[in-house]
Protein backbone atom coordinates (compact mmCIF):
# COMPACT_ATOMS: atom_id res chain seq x y z
CA MET A 1 98.95 62.18 121.90
CA SER A 2 95.57 63.76 121.26
CA VAL A 3 95.05 67.49 121.08
CA SER A 4 91.85 68.92 122.52
CA PHE A 5 89.92 71.19 120.17
CA PHE A 6 89.70 73.85 122.89
CA SER A 7 93.45 73.96 123.45
CA GLY A 8 95.58 76.65 121.81
CA ALA A 9 96.77 74.34 119.05
CA GLY A 10 93.26 73.02 118.44
CA LEU A 11 91.76 76.50 118.13
CA ALA A 12 94.61 77.60 115.84
CA THR A 13 94.03 74.57 113.62
CA GLY A 14 90.28 75.22 113.58
CA ALA A 15 90.79 78.89 112.69
CA PHE A 16 93.20 77.94 109.92
CA LEU A 17 90.73 75.43 108.49
CA VAL A 18 87.94 78.04 108.55
CA VAL A 19 90.17 80.57 106.74
CA LEU A 20 91.29 77.91 104.27
CA GLY A 21 87.67 76.90 103.62
CA MET A 22 86.69 80.55 103.12
CA THR A 23 89.54 81.00 100.62
CA VAL A 24 88.66 77.89 98.61
CA LEU A 25 84.91 78.61 98.69
CA GLY A 26 85.50 82.18 97.52
CA ALA A 27 87.73 80.94 94.71
CA LEU A 28 85.09 78.43 93.59
CA ILE A 29 82.42 81.15 93.62
CA ALA A 30 84.73 83.50 91.71
CA VAL A 31 85.34 80.91 89.01
CA GLY A 32 82.01 79.09 88.87
CA ALA A 33 79.30 81.72 89.28
CA ARG A 34 77.51 82.81 86.11
CA ASN A 35 76.69 86.28 87.47
CA ILE A 36 79.64 88.68 87.23
CA PHE A 37 78.72 90.42 90.48
CA HIS A 38 78.79 87.07 92.29
CA ASN A 39 82.21 86.43 90.71
CA VAL A 40 83.51 89.66 92.28
CA LEU A 41 82.01 88.80 95.66
CA GLY A 42 83.65 85.36 95.49
CA LEU A 43 86.96 86.99 94.57
CA ALA A 44 86.68 89.37 97.53
CA LEU A 45 85.87 86.47 99.87
CA SER A 46 88.82 84.48 98.58
CA LEU A 47 91.19 87.44 98.94
CA ILE A 48 90.01 88.06 102.50
CA GLY A 49 90.76 84.40 103.18
CA VAL A 50 94.25 84.85 101.73
CA ALA A 51 94.71 87.81 104.09
CA GLY A 52 93.69 85.51 106.93
CA ILE A 53 96.37 83.04 105.84
CA PHE A 54 98.92 85.87 105.93
CA ILE A 55 97.79 86.68 109.47
CA TYR A 56 98.19 83.01 110.36
CA LEU A 57 101.74 83.18 108.94
CA ASN A 58 102.49 86.13 111.25
CA SER A 59 102.54 88.75 108.48
CA PRO A 60 99.94 91.32 109.51
CA PHE A 61 101.37 94.00 107.22
CA VAL A 62 101.06 91.81 104.13
CA ALA A 63 97.54 90.85 105.23
CA LEU A 64 96.59 94.51 105.54
CA MET A 65 98.06 95.28 102.13
CA GLU A 66 96.15 92.31 100.71
CA ILE A 67 92.90 93.76 101.98
CA LEU A 68 93.69 97.36 100.99
CA ILE A 69 95.08 96.68 97.52
CA TYR A 70 93.29 93.61 96.29
CA VAL A 71 89.94 93.71 98.08
CA GLY A 72 89.77 97.47 98.41
CA ALA A 73 91.15 98.67 95.10
CA ILE A 74 90.83 95.88 92.56
CA CYS A 75 87.43 94.55 93.62
CA ILE A 76 86.05 98.09 93.79
CA ALA A 77 87.42 98.81 90.30
CA ILE A 78 85.71 95.67 89.04
CA CYS A 79 82.47 96.76 90.73
CA PHE A 80 82.70 100.10 88.91
CA ALA A 81 83.15 98.22 85.64
CA ILE A 82 80.06 96.14 86.44
CA MET A 83 78.03 99.26 87.11
CA LEU A 84 79.11 100.72 83.77
CA SER A 85 78.56 97.54 81.75
CA GLN A 86 75.45 95.74 80.51
CA PRO A 87 72.63 95.15 82.98
CA LEU A 88 72.87 91.84 84.82
CA TYR A 89 69.38 90.69 83.81
CA LEU A 90 70.35 90.36 80.13
CA LYS A 91 71.08 86.81 79.01
CA THR A 92 74.78 85.97 78.92
CA PRO A 93 76.19 84.12 75.92
CA PRO A 94 77.25 80.49 76.42
CA ARG A 95 80.85 79.89 77.37
CA SER A 96 83.19 78.65 74.67
CA PHE A 97 84.67 75.21 75.35
CA LEU A 98 88.08 76.27 73.99
CA LYS A 99 88.19 79.31 76.28
CA SER A 100 87.24 77.17 79.27
CA LEU A 101 89.85 74.58 78.34
CA GLY A 102 92.48 77.32 77.94
CA ALA A 103 91.57 78.72 81.34
CA VAL A 104 91.88 75.29 82.96
CA VAL A 105 95.24 74.63 81.27
CA GLY A 106 96.55 78.08 82.21
CA ALA A 107 95.39 77.85 85.82
CA SER A 108 96.80 74.32 86.13
CA SER A 109 100.14 75.47 84.77
CA VAL A 110 100.32 78.35 87.24
CA MET A 111 99.31 76.03 90.09
CA ALA A 112 101.96 73.46 89.12
CA PHE A 113 104.60 76.21 88.96
CA LEU A 114 103.60 77.55 92.37
CA LEU A 115 103.63 74.07 93.91
CA LEU A 116 107.08 73.43 92.46
CA LEU A 117 108.24 76.81 93.73
CA THR A 118 106.98 76.16 97.27
CA ARG A 119 108.64 72.73 97.33
CA LYS A 120 112.01 74.15 96.22
CA ALA A 121 111.92 77.21 98.52
CA THR A 122 113.76 77.30 101.82
CA TRP A 123 111.29 78.27 104.51
CA VAL A 124 112.63 80.11 107.55
CA PRO A 125 110.49 80.05 110.70
CA ALA A 126 109.21 83.45 111.81
CA ALA A 127 111.05 83.16 115.15
CA GLU A 128 114.41 83.14 113.34
CA ARG A 129 113.68 86.29 111.33
CA SER A 130 114.07 89.85 112.50
CA THR A 131 111.05 91.02 114.48
CA ASP A 132 111.73 94.73 113.95
CA TRP A 133 108.77 95.44 111.65
CA THR A 134 108.52 99.20 112.05
CA ILE A 135 107.32 101.42 109.21
CA THR A 136 110.93 102.46 108.61
CA THR A 137 112.08 98.84 108.22
CA ILE A 138 109.15 97.99 105.94
CA GLY A 139 109.79 101.10 103.83
CA HIS A 140 113.47 100.19 103.56
CA TYR A 141 112.60 96.64 102.45
CA LEU A 142 110.03 97.89 99.92
CA LEU A 143 112.58 100.20 98.30
CA THR A 144 115.53 97.76 98.38
CA ASN A 145 114.94 94.01 98.74
CA TYR A 146 111.30 93.98 97.61
CA ALA A 147 111.31 96.74 95.00
CA LEU A 148 110.23 94.29 92.29
CA ILE A 149 107.21 93.20 94.33
CA PHE A 150 106.32 96.85 94.93
CA GLU A 151 106.42 97.51 91.18
CA VAL A 152 104.44 94.36 90.36
CA ILE A 153 101.68 95.50 92.74
CA SER A 154 101.49 98.88 90.98
CA LEU A 155 101.44 97.10 87.60
CA LEU A 156 98.65 94.84 88.85
CA LEU A 157 96.61 97.89 89.86
CA LEU A 158 97.15 99.40 86.41
CA VAL A 159 96.02 96.18 84.71
CA ALA A 160 92.94 96.03 86.97
CA MET A 161 92.00 99.58 86.02
CA LEU A 162 92.50 98.87 82.32
CA GLY A 163 90.41 95.71 82.65
CA ALA A 164 87.66 97.71 84.34
CA ILE A 165 87.71 100.26 81.51
CA VAL A 166 87.64 97.57 78.80
CA THR A 167 84.77 95.77 80.54
CA ALA A 168 82.85 99.03 80.85
CA ARG A 169 83.39 99.96 77.20
CA GLU A 170 82.22 96.55 75.96
CA GLY A 171 79.00 96.90 77.97
CA ARG A 172 78.03 100.31 76.64
CA GLY A 173 79.36 99.88 73.12
CA SER A 174 82.57 101.37 71.81
CA SER A 175 80.99 104.47 70.27
């Protein structure tokens, strides 16, 4: 049974592949670019792609929060740190092999953990879940079932702000 590209399923698959490609391309730019501003732009592109995946998974609220918190707040904080740090035209020092190896090992470990977690999780289709996603219901979930996630997001914002301050101080000197 062949599915036409212009059918509903074909367009949904095509849109998913575009969003997936945007996410992976943004992640590669965020990791591989030598210019810190390009790293931030790649991060923003990747996070917008992740928001698209959340939309594809029928979670528009999480997608909106992804854009507001991660793209809006964290990427803007990083941009402020860039503006306060050394000029981009100065030569950057070469990357240390041990730091790069540590980053690869750390990222691989996190990826393996997440893959294991997704394989062990029980996935419930969206049609079987409650569809009452009013602000009251979301607020109730954020303060009861998902309170830990709510706190982790605020902690992540704090760490992003501290990282922006540290990056800015290193660029201008710690005097």
